[in-house]
Every structure is written in C-alpha cells, then in structure tokens.
Amino acid sequence: MSGLMLLDTPSLYFRAFFGVPESVKAPDGTPVNAVRGLIDMIARLVQDRRPERLVCCMDADWRPAFRVQALPSYKAHRVAETGGDQTPDALEAQLPVIDAVLKAFGLAVVGAAGYEADDVIGTLAVRGAPQGPVDIVTGDRDLFQLVDERGPVLVLYTARGIRNLQVMGEKEVADKYGIPGRGYADYATLRGDPSDGLPGVPGVGDKTAAALVTRFGSLEGILAALEAGTTEGFPAGARRRMEAAHDYLAVAETVVRVVTDIGDPALRDLDDRLPATPRDPEALIALADEWNLTGPVNRLLNALAPS
C-alpha cells in the first residue's frame, strides 16, 4: 500500500492512445481508445497498489517559458506549425472526455500555470514524502531524479506496460545507471536526451556521464572541479569536453531539474483522498453511455470500492 500515488497523466494517456487500437470508438464513431486505456490503467493501479491518496497531475504548460529561455532547443522539435504541441487530432478530441470522467469520479486533477506535470509531481512528492510512501507512475525517465529511499519515493515505470511495472528506487537507479541513486538529473544533463531536445555534452556518453557524476557527486561538483583546475577524476578527454560545453552546463540544470516548490494554491489546497464512490454518479453514467465506457468505468468503480 502506498500513501500517495501521483500519476503522470499525459504520459499515461499517450501510452493508452498508442497502445489501444483506434478502432475502439464511441457510438458516434469518435475514438475513445485513450480514455478507455487510461481508466483501465488507473483501475489496475488502484487495485494492485491500494493507495490512500491519488492525484492525476497535468501539464498546464507542456513547454514552460523558463525552460525555453534557458535552452531554446527544449522540445522545439515537438512544436506544431500552430505553435502548440503535436498531439494527434484523435487524441486531442479525447482530452475533454478524460477531464470529464476524472471529475465525475471525484479523482484529484491538478496542474499549475507555467509548469509541466513533472513539476507538479515533484512538488507533491517532496511535500508528501514526510507523511509516508509516494508512488510516481510515469513512462518518463526524467522523474527518476525524484526517487528517495527516505519516503520512500518510488517511480513505477511503465515502459513494459501497466501490468509489468518496473519499481525504481534509489538502489534500482544506481544499479541500472551506475550513479548515486538520486543523481539521475545530473547524469541526464551530461548524456543528453534527444526526445526533449537536450543536446548533452558532445562526446560524453552513458559511461563517462556515470563516471563523472559518481566521482564528483553532482553537476555542481563537476563545475566546481573545472573552476578549480582539477584534472584528477576526469576520464581521458572528458575535462576538455566539459570545458567546451560550459555555457550549456550553466543553463541545462534549469531545464532538466524538476521543480519541487511550486507555490500555486491549487496544489496546497488539494483534496487528494481516493474516493470510495463517485462524486457525480449521474454524470458518470451519462459519460459511460455516451462514450462507450461502461466496462472500464465499472472496473474503476470496483477498484475504488472499499474491500
């Protein structure tokens, strides 16, 4: 049982959209594969992990200005001609339905103006960890930076599917990447991540990034060693490469590091208790009928019901 479960909701509904056939449709022919898949994912998570509290975290801004200002390449390849993100039309049409269904169930749904879902998760995880275990459900490795054995804060990584979650804590991150358990953000900064438009340090791959983070403890420690003229601990050629990338390293942490102290009142005043019964049963029935959601809605209702 986890005390608090935080869902990277965009990650989950994108996974559902691409994992459930688009042939799954409402009576009017509108695809509902993402809606059905997301509801079934939440039902499985509640059934298997039995959280006491749950929050569906959302992107209020998928490409925040403070990250773009620091690194203009951040997610630039995902920008559509209209200036928004490249969400498929068939998925875009389902997002209002997802919002309505989650609201009818009474699940906590929250975003914060100017921030991504990752930042909402980071803020709620840090805030919630002193009260007990926190599970973060995501397909985004960036959130590995939040694992913390003290809570514990764990990431339930969905790369292998919702029925075969990889439970990632500090030990698992350390074993997989050869870095200190909470060092993933520094490691990712050095190695880069093309999916986010994060270039990394040219010539520094996984092994060198891991060696540097392990040796110096953090990006801050690496930069301090460069400033001090230290040569010991840098693999062959790495010091020169790091010096050449100094301007990138000076701003990259702003992009990679998840915000953990959002002050938005919506996050402070959040009622995240898991509902035993739906907030609006009539609306939920109407949504299930209109969008062909009776099966997944019933599965989530059964999962939420007290055992």
C-alpha atoms as a PDB file:
ATOM      1  CA  MET A   1       0.000   0.000   0.000  1.00  0.00           C
ATOM      2  CA  SER A   2       1.272   3.476  -0.847  1.00  0.00           C
ATOM      3  CA  GLY A   3       0.215   6.604   0.982  1.00  0.00           C
ATOM      4  CA  LEU A   4       0.178   8.839  -2.100  1.00  0.00           C
ATOM      5  CA  MET A   5       0.102   7.934  -5.786  1.00  0.00           C
ATOM      6  CA  LEU A   6       0.989  10.611  -8.332  1.00  0.00           C
ATOM      7  CA  LEU A   7       0.048   9.951 -11.956  1.00  0.00           C
ATOM      8  CA  ASP A   8       1.954  11.498 -14.838  1.00  0.00           C
ATOM      9  CA  THR A   9      -1.387  11.666 -16.605  1.00  0.00           C
ATOM     10  CA  PRO A  10      -0.167  12.891 -20.020  1.00  0.00           C
ATOM     11  CA  SER A  11       2.375  10.069 -20.118  1.00  0.00           C
ATOM     12  CA  LEU A  12      -0.378   7.561 -19.334  1.00  0.00           C
ATOM     13  CA  TYR A  13      -2.960   8.803 -21.821  1.00  0.00           C
ATOM     14  CA  PHE A  14      -0.357   8.982 -24.588  1.00  0.00           C
ATOM     15  CA  ARG A  15       0.599   5.403 -23.781  1.00  0.00           C
ATOM     16  CA  ALA A  16      -3.062   4.403 -23.826  1.00  0.00           C
ATOM     17  CA  PHE A  17      -3.648   6.167 -27.150  1.00  0.00           C
ATOM     18  CA  PHE A  18      -0.816   4.331 -28.869  1.00  0.00           C
ATOM     19  CA  GLY A  19      -1.418   1.049 -27.030  1.00  0.00           C
ATOM     20  CA  VAL A  20      -5.178   0.638 -27.547  1.00  0.00           C
ATOM     21  CA  PRO A  21      -6.441   0.405 -31.155  1.00  0.00           C
ATOM     22  CA  GLU A  22      -8.144   3.499 -32.583  1.00  0.00           C
ATOM     23  CA  SER A  23     -10.912   1.156 -33.696  1.00  0.00           C
ATOM     24  CA  VAL A  24     -12.206   1.424 -30.111  1.00  0.00           C
ATOM     25  CA  LYS A  25     -14.869   4.083 -30.610  1.00  0.00           C
ATOM     26  CA  ALA A  26     -17.926   5.732 -29.126  1.00  0.00           C
ATOM     27  CA  PRO A  27     -21.349   5.132 -30.759  1.00  0.00           C
ATOM     28  CA  ASP A  28     -20.869   8.291 -32.855  1.00  0.00           C
ATOM     29  CA  GLY A  29     -17.578   6.968 -34.240  1.00  0.00           C
ATOM     30  CA  THR A  30     -15.242   9.116 -32.127  1.00  0.00           C
ATOM     31  CA  PRO A  31     -12.138   7.191 -30.995  1.00  0.00           C
ATOM     32  CA  VAL A  32     -12.094   6.621 -27.234  1.00  0.00           C
ATOM     33  CA  ASN A  33      -9.025   4.376 -27.012  1.00  0.00           C
ATOM     34  CA  ALA A  34      -7.075   6.813 -24.834  1.00  0.00           C
ATOM     35  CA  VAL A  35      -9.999   7.344 -22.460  1.00  0.00           C
ATOM     36  CA  ARG A  36     -10.684   3.643 -22.037  1.00  0.00           C
ATOM     37  CA  GLY A  37      -7.000   2.811 -21.698  1.00  0.00           C
ATOM     38  CA  LEU A  38      -6.383   5.481 -19.071  1.00  0.00           C
ATOM     39  CA  ILE A  39      -9.375   4.453 -16.955  1.00  0.00           C
ATOM     40  CA  ASP A  40      -8.263   0.820 -17.071  1.00  0.00           C
ATOM     41  CA  MET A  41      -4.715   1.832 -16.098  1.00  0.00           C
ATOM     42  CA  ILE A  42      -5.983   3.728 -13.054  1.00  0.00           C
ATOM     43  CA  ALA A  43      -8.217   0.805 -12.085  1.00  0.00           C
ATOM     44  CA  ARG A  44      -5.263  -1.601 -12.253  1.00  0.00           C
ATOM     45  CA  LEU A  45      -3.013   0.733 -10.252  1.00  0.00           C
ATOM     46  CA  VAL A  46      -5.622   1.261  -7.529  1.00  0.00           C
ATOM     47  CA  GLN A  47      -6.364  -2.442  -7.356  1.00  0.00           C
ATOM     48  CA  ASP A  48      -2.718  -3.511  -7.180  1.00  0.00           C
ATOM     49  CA  ARG A  49      -1.163  -0.733  -5.082  1.00  0.00           C
ATOM     50  CA  ARG A  50      -4.123   0.344  -2.884  1.00  0.00           C
ATOM     51  CA  PRO A  51      -3.096   3.998  -2.460  1.00  0.00           C
ATOM     52  CA  GLU A  52      -4.829   6.077   0.202  1.00  0.00           C
ATOM     53  CA  ARG A  53      -4.498   9.230  -1.903  1.00  0.00           C
ATOM     54  CA  LEU A  54      -4.152   9.773  -5.640  1.00  0.00           C
ATOM     55  CA  VAL A  55      -3.540  12.797  -7.867  1.00  0.00           C
ATOM     56  CA  CYS A  56      -3.835  12.981 -11.647  1.00  0.00           C
ATOM     57  CA  CYS A  57      -1.098  15.507 -12.454  1.00  0.00           C
ATOM     58  CA  MET A  58      -1.477  17.512 -15.666  1.00  0.00           C
ATOM     59  CA  ASP A  59       0.563  19.788 -17.938  1.00  0.00           C
ATOM     60  CA  ALA A  60      -0.648  23.369 -17.654  1.00  0.00           C
ATOM     61  CA  ASP A  61       2.269  24.260 -19.938  1.00  0.00           C
ATOM     62  CA  TRP A  62       3.993  21.436 -21.818  1.00  0.00           C
ATOM     63  CA  ARG A  63       6.959  23.697 -22.765  1.00  0.00           C
ATOM     64  CA  PRO A  64       7.405  26.272 -19.978  1.00  0.00           C
ATOM     65  CA  ALA A  65       8.902  29.632 -20.860  1.00  0.00           C
ATOM     66  CA  PHE A  66      11.594  29.429 -18.170  1.00  0.00           C
ATOM     67  CA  ARG A  67      12.961  26.226 -19.721  1.00  0.00           C
ATOM     68  CA  VAL A  68      12.802  27.534 -23.290  1.00  0.00           C
ATOM     69  CA  GLN A  69      14.533  30.749 -22.213  1.00  0.00           C
ATOM     70  CA  ALA A  70      17.348  28.714 -20.691  1.00  0.00           C
ATOM     71  CA  LEU A  71      17.626  26.308 -23.648  1.00  0.00           C
ATOM     72  CA  PRO A  72      15.697  27.212 -26.832  1.00  0.00           C
ATOM     73  CA  SER A  73      16.072  23.665 -28.206  1.00  0.00           C
ATOM     74  CA  TYR A  74      13.935  22.295 -25.359  1.00  0.00           C
ATOM     75  CA  LYS A  75      11.154  20.268 -27.041  1.00  0.00           C
ATOM     76  CA  ALA A  76      11.494  22.507 -30.113  1.00  0.00           C
ATOM     77  CA  HIS A  77      11.123  19.510 -32.426  1.00  0.00           C
ATOM     78  CA  ARG A  78       7.674  18.839 -30.958  1.00  0.00           C
ATOM     79  CA  VAL A  79       6.245  22.269 -31.751  1.00  0.00           C
ATOM     80  CA  ALA A  80       3.470  22.105 -34.363  1.00  0.00           C
ATOM     81  CA  GLU A  81       3.001  24.700 -37.107  1.00  0.00           C
ATOM     82  CA  THR A  82       0.243  26.239 -34.994  1.00  0.00           C
ATOM     83  CA  GLY A  83       2.688  26.760 -32.150  1.00  0.00           C
ATOM     84  CA  GLY A  84       1.209  24.095 -29.881  1.00  0.00           C
ATOM     85  CA  ASP A  85       2.395  20.562 -29.348  1.00  0.00           C
ATOM     86  CA  GLN A  86       1.997  17.759 -31.873  1.00  0.00           C
ATOM     87  CA  THR A  87      -0.839  15.922 -30.135  1.00  0.00           C
ATOM     88  CA  PRO A  88      -2.651  13.723 -32.680  1.00  0.00           C
ATOM     89  CA  ASP A  89      -6.118  15.043 -33.532  1.00  0.00           C
ATOM     90  CA  ALA A  90      -7.727  11.769 -32.464  1.00  0.00           C
ATOM     91  CA  LEU A  91      -6.155  12.129 -29.023  1.00  0.00           C
ATOM     92  CA  GLU A  92      -6.862  15.865 -28.721  1.00  0.00           C
ATOM     93  CA  ALA A  93     -10.571  15.138 -29.179  1.00  0.00           C
ATOM     94  CA  GLN A  94     -10.500  12.759 -26.198  1.00  0.00           C
ATOM     95  CA  LEU A  95      -8.884  15.096 -23.674  1.00  0.00           C
ATOM     96  CA  PRO A  96     -12.154  16.842 -22.657  1.00  0.00           C
ATOM     97  CA  VAL A  97     -13.727  13.419 -22.138  1.00  0.00           C
ATOM     98  CA  ILE A  98     -10.817  12.364 -19.934  1.00  0.00           C
ATOM     99  CA  ASP A  99     -11.227  15.520 -17.852  1.00  0.00           C
ATOM    100  CA  ALA A 100     -14.986  14.993 -17.503  1.00  0.00           C
ATOM    101  CA  VAL A 101     -14.652  11.337 -16.477  1.00  0.00           C
ATOM    102  CA  LEU A 102     -11.952  12.023 -13.873  1.00  0.00           C
ATOM    103  CA  LYS A 103     -14.062  14.871 -12.478  1.00  0.00           C
ATOM    104  CA  ALA A 104     -17.186  12.704 -12.272  1.00  0.00           C
ATOM    105  CA  PHE A 105     -15.250  10.035 -10.391  1.00  0.00           C
ATOM    106  CA  GLY A 106     -14.015  12.670  -7.952  1.00  0.00           C
ATOM    107  CA  LEU A 107     -10.342  11.981  -8.551  1.00  0.00           C
ATOM    108  CA  ALA A 108      -8.000  14.867  -7.791  1.00  0.00           C
ATOM    109  CA  VAL A 109      -6.814  16.512 -11.018  1.00  0.00           C
ATOM    110  CA  VAL A 110      -4.342  19.394 -10.917  1.00  0.00           C
ATOM    111  CA  GLY A 111      -1.887  21.416 -12.987  1.00  0.00           C
ATOM    112  CA  ALA A 112      -0.018  24.627 -12.219  1.00  0.00           C
ATOM    113  CA  ALA A 113       0.183  27.609 -14.564  1.00  0.00           C
ATOM    114  CA  GLY A 114       3.588  27.800 -16.239  1.00  0.00           C
ATOM    115  CA  TYR A 115       4.640  24.295 -15.252  1.00  0.00           C
ATOM    116  CA  GLU A 116       4.647  20.745 -16.570  1.00  0.00           C
ATOM    117  CA  ALA A 117       3.090  17.719 -14.923  1.00  0.00           C
ATOM    118  CA  ASP A 118       6.632  16.683 -13.886  1.00  0.00           C
ATOM    119  CA  ASP A 119       6.920  19.808 -11.747  1.00  0.00           C
ATOM    120  CA  VAL A 120       3.541  19.227 -10.128  1.00  0.00           C
ATOM    121  CA  ILE A 121       4.652  15.679  -9.353  1.00  0.00           C
ATOM    122  CA  GLY A 122       7.960  16.894  -7.958  1.00  0.00           C
ATOM    123  CA  THR A 123       6.286  19.418  -5.678  1.00  0.00           C
ATOM    124  CA  LEU A 124       3.663  16.971  -4.384  1.00  0.00           C
ATOM    125  CA  ALA A 125       6.213  14.172  -3.950  1.00  0.00           C
ATOM    126  CA  VAL A 126       8.573  16.275  -1.849  1.00  0.00           C
ATOM    127  CA  ARG A 127       5.654  17.631   0.148  1.00  0.00           C
ATOM    128  CA  GLY A 128       4.076  14.211   0.642  1.00  0.00           C
ATOM    129  CA  ALA A 129       7.132  12.076   1.405  1.00  0.00           C
ATOM    130  CA  PRO A 130       7.392  13.005   5.108  1.00  0.00           C
ATOM    131  CA  GLN A 131       3.871  11.623   5.596  1.00  0.00           C
ATOM    132  CA  GLY A 132       4.653   8.233   4.052  1.00  0.00           C
ATOM    133  CA  PRO A 133       5.365   6.311   0.836  1.00  0.00           C
ATOM    134  CA  VAL A 134       4.882   8.019  -2.530  1.00  0.00           C
ATOM    135  CA  ASP A 135       4.445   6.176  -5.828  1.00  0.00           C
ATOM    136  CA  ILE A 136       5.036   8.106  -9.075  1.00  0.00           C
ATOM    137  CA  VAL A 137       3.563   6.431 -12.154  1.00  0.00           C
ATOM    138  CA  THR A 138       5.216   7.507 -15.404  1.00  0.00           C
ATOM    139  CA  GLY A 139       6.890   6.446 -18.614  1.00  0.00           C
ATOM    140  CA  ASP A 140       9.317   9.379 -18.342  1.00  0.00           C
ATOM    141  CA  ARG A 141      12.796   8.564 -17.034  1.00  0.00           C
ATOM    142  CA  ASP A 142      13.322  12.214 -16.055  1.00  0.00           C
ATOM    143  CA  LEU A 143      11.302  11.505 -12.930  1.00  0.00           C
ATOM    144  CA  PHE A 144      13.913   9.001 -11.731  1.00  0.00           C
ATOM    145  CA  GLN A 145      15.582  12.075 -10.206  1.00  0.00           C
ATOM    146  CA  LEU A 146      12.831  12.132  -7.562  1.00  0.00           C
ATOM    147  CA  VAL A 147      13.442   8.675  -6.079  1.00  0.00           C
ATOM    148  CA  ASP A 148      14.270   8.875  -2.399  1.00  0.00           C
ATOM    149  CA  GLU A 149      14.670   5.939  -0.053  1.00  0.00           C
ATOM    150  CA  ARG A 150      13.680   8.064   2.932  1.00  0.00           C
ATOM    151  CA  GLY A 151       9.980   8.322   1.982  1.00  0.00           C
ATOM    152  CA  PRO A 152      10.266   6.139   0.180  1.00  0.00           C
ATOM    153  CA  VAL A 153       9.534   7.874  -3.109  1.00  0.00           C
ATOM    154  CA  LEU A 154       9.412   5.265  -5.860  1.00  0.00           C
ATOM    155  CA  VAL A 155       8.836   5.510  -9.594  1.00  0.00           C
ATOM    156  CA  LEU A 156       6.546   2.893 -11.121  1.00  0.00           C
ATOM    157  CA  TYR A 157       7.961   2.913 -14.627  1.00  0.00           C
ATOM    158  CA  THR A 158       5.500   1.925 -17.350  1.00  0.00           C
ATOM    159  CA  ALA A 159       7.907   1.109 -20.221  1.00  0.00           C
ATOM    160  CA  ARG A 160       6.955  -2.595 -20.048  1.00  0.00           C
ATOM    161  CA  GLY A 161       3.278  -1.936 -19.533  1.00  0.00           C
ATOM    162  CA  ILE A 162       0.971  -1.261 -16.628  1.00  0.00           C
ATOM    163  CA  ARG A 163       0.825  -4.970 -15.723  1.00  0.00           C
ATOM    164  CA  ASN A 164       4.602  -5.244 -15.609  1.00  0.00           C
ATOM    165  CA  LEU A 165       5.695  -2.071 -13.835  1.00  0.00           C
ATOM    166  CA  GLN A 166       9.363  -1.564 -13.037  1.00  0.00           C
ATOM    167  CA  VAL A 167       9.664  -0.330  -9.471  1.00  0.00           C
ATOM    168  CA  MET A 168      12.549   2.127  -9.420  1.00  0.00           C
ATOM    169  CA  GLY A 169      14.026   3.372  -6.165  1.00  0.00           C
ATOM    170  CA  GLU A 170      17.494   4.670  -5.357  1.00  0.00           C
ATOM    171  CA  LYS A 171      19.011   1.182  -5.470  1.00  0.00           C
ATOM    172  CA  GLU A 172      17.440   0.338  -8.812  1.00  0.00           C
ATOM    173  CA  VAL A 173      18.532   3.639 -10.383  1.00  0.00           C
ATOM    174  CA  ALA A 174      22.055   3.154  -9.024  1.00  0.00           C
ATOM    175  CA  ASP A 175      22.212  -0.428 -10.311  1.00  0.00           C
ATOM    176  CA  LYS A 176      20.873   0.455 -13.770  1.00  0.00           C
ATOM    177  CA  TYR A 177      22.908   3.588 -14.469  1.00  0.00           C
ATOM    178  CA  GLY A 178      25.939   3.237 -12.212  1.00  0.00           C
ATOM    179  CA  ILE A 179      25.278   6.562 -10.470  1.00  0.00           C
ATOM    180  CA  PRO A 180      24.270   7.708  -6.985  1.00  0.00           C
ATOM    181  CA  GLY A 181      20.594   6.875  -6.569  1.00  0.00           C
ATOM    182  CA  ARG A 182      19.415  10.483  -6.662  1.00  0.00           C
ATOM    183  CA  GLY A 183      21.843  11.581  -9.363  1.00  0.00           C
ATOM    184  CA  TYR A 184      19.713  10.990 -12.455  1.00  0.00           C
ATOM    185  CA  ALA A 185      19.176  14.677 -13.323  1.00  0.00           C
ATOM    186  CA  ASP A 186      22.933  15.351 -13.386  1.00  0.00           C
ATOM    187  CA  TYR A 187      23.517  12.197 -15.418  1.00  0.00           C
ATOM    188  CA  ALA A 188      20.808  13.129 -17.945  1.00  0.00           C
ATOM    189  CA  THR A 189      22.208  16.659 -18.271  1.00  0.00           C
ATOM    190  CA  LEU A 190      25.601  15.294 -19.293  1.00  0.00           C
ATOM    191  CA  ARG A 191      24.362  12.466 -21.502  1.00  0.00           C
ATOM    192  CA  GLY A 192      21.546  14.448 -23.107  1.00  0.00           C
ATOM    193  CA  ASP A 193      18.082  13.390 -24.199  1.00  0.00           C
ATOM    194  CA  PRO A 194      17.131  13.875 -27.870  1.00  0.00           C
ATOM    195  CA  SER A 195      13.447  13.276 -27.089  1.00  0.00           C
ATOM    196  CA  ASP A 196      13.446  16.547 -25.111  1.00  0.00           C
ATOM    197  CA  GLY A 197      15.831  18.460 -27.366  1.00  0.00           C
ATOM    198  CA  LEU A 198      18.525  18.227 -24.684  1.00  0.00           C
ATOM    199  CA  PRO A 199      21.867  18.028 -26.520  1.00  0.00           C
ATOM    200  CA  GLY A 200      24.083  16.871 -23.666  1.00  0.00           C
ATOM    201  CA  VAL A 201      27.850  17.292 -23.741  1.00  0.00           C
ATOM    202  CA  PRO A 202      29.269  16.243 -27.140  1.00  0.00           C
ATOM    203  CA  GLY A 203      31.440  13.150 -26.753  1.00  0.00           C
ATOM    204  CA  VAL A 204      30.116  12.304 -23.285  1.00  0.00           C
ATOM    205  CA  GLY A 205      28.078   9.111 -23.329  1.00  0.00           C
ATOM    206  CA  ASP A 206      26.482   6.937 -20.684  1.00  0.00           C
ATOM    207  CA  LYS A 207      29.688   5.557 -19.146  1.00  0.00           C
ATOM    208  CA  THR A 208      31.534   8.865 -18.968  1.00  0.00           C
ATOM    209  CA  ALA A 209      28.461  10.663 -17.596  1.00  0.00           C
ATOM    210  CA  ALA A 210      28.069   7.990 -14.921  1.00  0.00           C
ATOM    211  CA  ALA A 211      31.763   8.151 -14.021  1.00  0.00           C
ATOM    212  CA  LEU A 212      31.698  11.935 -13.661  1.00  0.00           C
ATOM    213  CA  VAL A 213      28.543  12.023 -11.534  1.00  0.00           C
ATOM    214  CA  THR A 214      29.874   9.226  -9.320  1.00  0.00           C
ATOM    215  CA  ARG A 215      33.274  10.874  -8.914  1.00  0.00           C
ATOM    216  CA  PHE A 216      32.112  14.450  -8.267  1.00  0.00           C
ATOM    217  CA  GLY A 217      28.662  13.769  -6.799  1.00  0.00           C
ATOM    218  CA  SER A 218      26.700  16.291  -8.858  1.00  0.00           C
ATOM    219  CA  LEU A 219      26.834  18.703 -11.760  1.00  0.00           C
ATOM    220  CA  GLU A 220      27.655  21.427  -9.237  1.00  0.00           C
ATOM    221  CA  GLY A 221      30.624  19.369  -8.077  1.00  0.00           C
ATOM    222  CA  ILE A 222      31.818  18.849 -11.639  1.00  0.00           C
ATOM    223  CA  LEU A 223      31.618  22.576 -12.401  1.00  0.00           C
ATOM    224  CA  ALA A 224      33.450  23.386  -9.177  1.00  0.00           C
ATOM    225  CA  ALA A 225      36.240  20.982 -10.164  1.00  0.00           C
ATOM    226  CA  LEU A 226      36.512  22.660 -13.559  1.00  0.00           C
ATOM    227  CA  GLU A 227      36.716  26.101 -11.960  1.00  0.00           C
ATOM    228  CA  ALA A 228      39.395  24.864  -9.557  1.00  0.00           C
ATOM    229  CA  GLY A 229      41.515  23.447 -12.397  1.00  0.00           C
ATOM    230  CA  THR A 230      41.203  19.901 -11.074  1.00  0.00           C
ATOM    231  CA  THR A 231      42.312  17.215 -13.538  1.00  0.00           C
ATOM    232  CA  GLU A 232      42.078  14.128 -11.351  1.00  0.00           C
ATOM    233  CA  GLY A 233      38.854  12.130 -11.803  1.00  0.00           C
ATOM    234  CA  PHE A 234      38.131  13.193 -15.366  1.00  0.00           C
ATOM    235  CA  PRO A 235      38.253  10.343 -17.916  1.00  0.00           C
ATOM    236  CA  ALA A 236      40.516  10.894 -20.915  1.00  0.00           C
ATOM    237  CA  GLY A 237      39.325  13.884 -22.913  1.00  0.00           C
ATOM    238  CA  ALA A 238      36.346  14.500 -20.646  1.00  0.00           C
ATOM    239  CA  ARG A 239      37.704  17.632 -18.997  1.00  0.00           C
ATOM    240  CA  ARG A 240      38.262  19.301 -22.342  1.00  0.00           C
ATOM    241  CA  ARG A 241      34.762  18.357 -23.482  1.00  0.00           C
ATOM    242  CA  MET A 242      33.223  19.666 -20.269  1.00  0.00           C
ATOM    243  CA  GLU A 243      35.063  22.958 -20.575  1.00  0.00           C
ATOM    244  CA  ALA A 244      33.858  23.355 -24.158  1.00  0.00           C
ATOM    245  CA  ALA A 245      30.280  22.769 -23.001  1.00  0.00           C
ATOM    246  CA  HIS A 246      30.464  25.201 -20.077  1.00  0.00           C
ATOM    247  CA  ASP A 247      27.753  27.530 -21.433  1.00  0.00           C
ATOM    248  CA  TYR A 248      25.355  24.606 -21.919  1.00  0.00           C
ATOM    249  CA  LEU A 249      26.071  23.198 -18.468  1.00  0.00           C
ATOM    250  CA  ALA A 250      25.445  26.594 -16.874  1.00  0.00           C
ATOM    251  CA  VAL A 251      21.813  26.600 -18.054  1.00  0.00           C
ATOM    252  CA  ALA A 252      20.929  22.930 -18.551  1.00  0.00           C
ATOM    253  CA  GLU A 253      20.090  22.222 -14.932  1.00  0.00           C
ATOM    254  CA  THR A 254      17.217  24.720 -15.139  1.00  0.00           C
ATOM    255  CA  VAL A 255      15.778  22.593 -17.929  1.00  0.00           C
ATOM    256  CA  VAL A 256      16.422  19.122 -16.516  1.00  0.00           C
ATOM    257  CA  ARG A 257      15.779  19.651 -12.825  1.00  0.00           C
ATOM    258  CA  VAL A 258      12.153  19.074 -11.824  1.00  0.00           C
ATOM    259  CA  VAL A 259      10.680  21.950  -9.818  1.00  0.00           C
ATOM    260  CA  THR A 260       9.790  20.836  -6.298  1.00  0.00           C
ATOM    261  CA  ASP A 261       8.490  24.042  -4.713  1.00  0.00           C
ATOM    262  CA  ILE A 262       5.590  25.342  -6.805  1.00  0.00           C
ATOM    263  CA  GLY A 263       3.603  27.750  -4.657  1.00  0.00           C
ATOM    264  CA  ASP A 264       0.310  27.518  -6.564  1.00  0.00           C
ATOM    265  CA  PRO A 265      -2.632  27.469  -4.102  1.00  0.00           C
ATOM    266  CA  ALA A 266      -4.267  24.737  -6.189  1.00  0.00           C
ATOM    267  CA  LEU A 267      -1.540  22.368  -5.022  1.00  0.00           C
ATOM    268  CA  ARG A 268      -1.697  23.471  -1.394  1.00  0.00           C
ATOM    269  CA  ASP A 269      -5.483  23.149  -1.073  1.00  0.00           C
ATOM    270  CA  LEU A 270      -5.789  19.848  -2.954  1.00  0.00           C
ATOM    271  CA  ASP A 271      -8.176  17.184  -1.677  1.00  0.00           C
ATOM    272  CA  ASP A 272      -6.324  14.077  -2.824  1.00  0.00           C
ATOM    273  CA  ARG A 273      -8.250  11.447  -0.872  1.00  0.00           C
ATOM    274  CA  LEU A 274      -9.176   8.489  -3.023  1.00  0.00           C
ATOM    275  CA  PRO A 275     -12.967   8.462  -3.402  1.00  0.00           C
ATOM    276  CA  ALA A 276     -14.816   5.300  -2.423  1.00  0.00           C
ATOM    277  CA  THR A 277     -17.814   6.352  -4.505  1.00  0.00           C
ATOM    278  CA  PRO A 278     -18.083   8.706  -7.491  1.00  0.00           C
ATOM    279  CA  ARG A 279     -18.613  12.400  -6.864  1.00  0.00           C
ATOM    280  CA  ASP A 280     -21.251  12.669  -9.596  1.00  0.00           C
ATOM    281  CA  PRO A 281     -22.812   9.251 -10.309  1.00  0.00           C
ATOM    282  CA  GLU A 282     -25.353  10.603 -12.786  1.00  0.00           C
ATOM    283  CA  ALA A 283     -22.704  12.388 -14.843  1.00  0.00           C
ATOM    284  CA  LEU A 284     -20.546   9.263 -14.792  1.00  0.00           C
ATOM    285  CA  ILE A 285     -23.402   7.084 -16.074  1.00  0.00           C
ATOM    286  CA  ALA A 286     -24.141   9.591 -18.823  1.00  0.00           C
ATOM    287  CA  LEU A 287     -20.485   9.713 -19.868  1.00  0.00           C
ATOM    288  CA  ALA A 288     -20.226   5.921 -19.868  1.00  0.00           C
ATOM    289  CA  ASP A 289     -23.302   5.647 -22.109  1.00  0.00           C
ATOM    290  CA  GLU A 290     -22.285   8.438 -24.484  1.00  0.00           C
ATOM    291  CA  TRP A 291     -18.683   7.328 -24.940  1.00  0.00           C
ATOM    292  CA  ASN A 292     -18.908   3.532 -24.707  1.00  0.00           C
ATOM    293  CA  LEU A 293     -17.062   3.438 -21.385  1.00  0.00           C
ATOM    294  CA  THR A 294     -19.262   1.132 -19.314  1.00  0.00           C
ATOM    295  CA  GLY A 295     -16.634  -1.625 -18.976  1.00  0.00           C
ATOM    296  CA  PRO A 296     -13.681   0.474 -17.815  1.00  0.00           C
ATOM    297  CA  VAL A 297     -15.885   2.700 -15.642  1.00  0.00           C
ATOM    298  CA  ASN A 298     -17.219  -0.365 -13.823  1.00  0.00           C
ATOM    299  CA  ARG A 299     -13.707  -1.734 -13.388  1.00  0.00           C
ATOM    300  CA  LEU A 300     -12.555   1.510 -11.771  1.00  0.00           C
ATOM    301  CA  LEU A 301     -15.661   1.656  -9.581  1.00  0.00           C
ATOM    302  CA  ASN A 302     -14.922  -1.869  -8.364  1.00  0.00           C
ATOM    303  CA  ALA A 303     -11.301  -0.965  -7.689  1.00  0.00           C
ATOM    304  CA  LEU A 304     -12.297   2.127  -5.692  1.00  0.00           C
ATOM    305  CA  ALA A 305     -14.936   0.325  -3.615  1.00  0.00           C
ATOM    306  CA  PRO A 306     -13.823  -0.495  -0.060  1.00  0.00           C
ATOM    307  CA  SER A 307     -12.600  -4.075   0.191  1.00  0.00           C
END
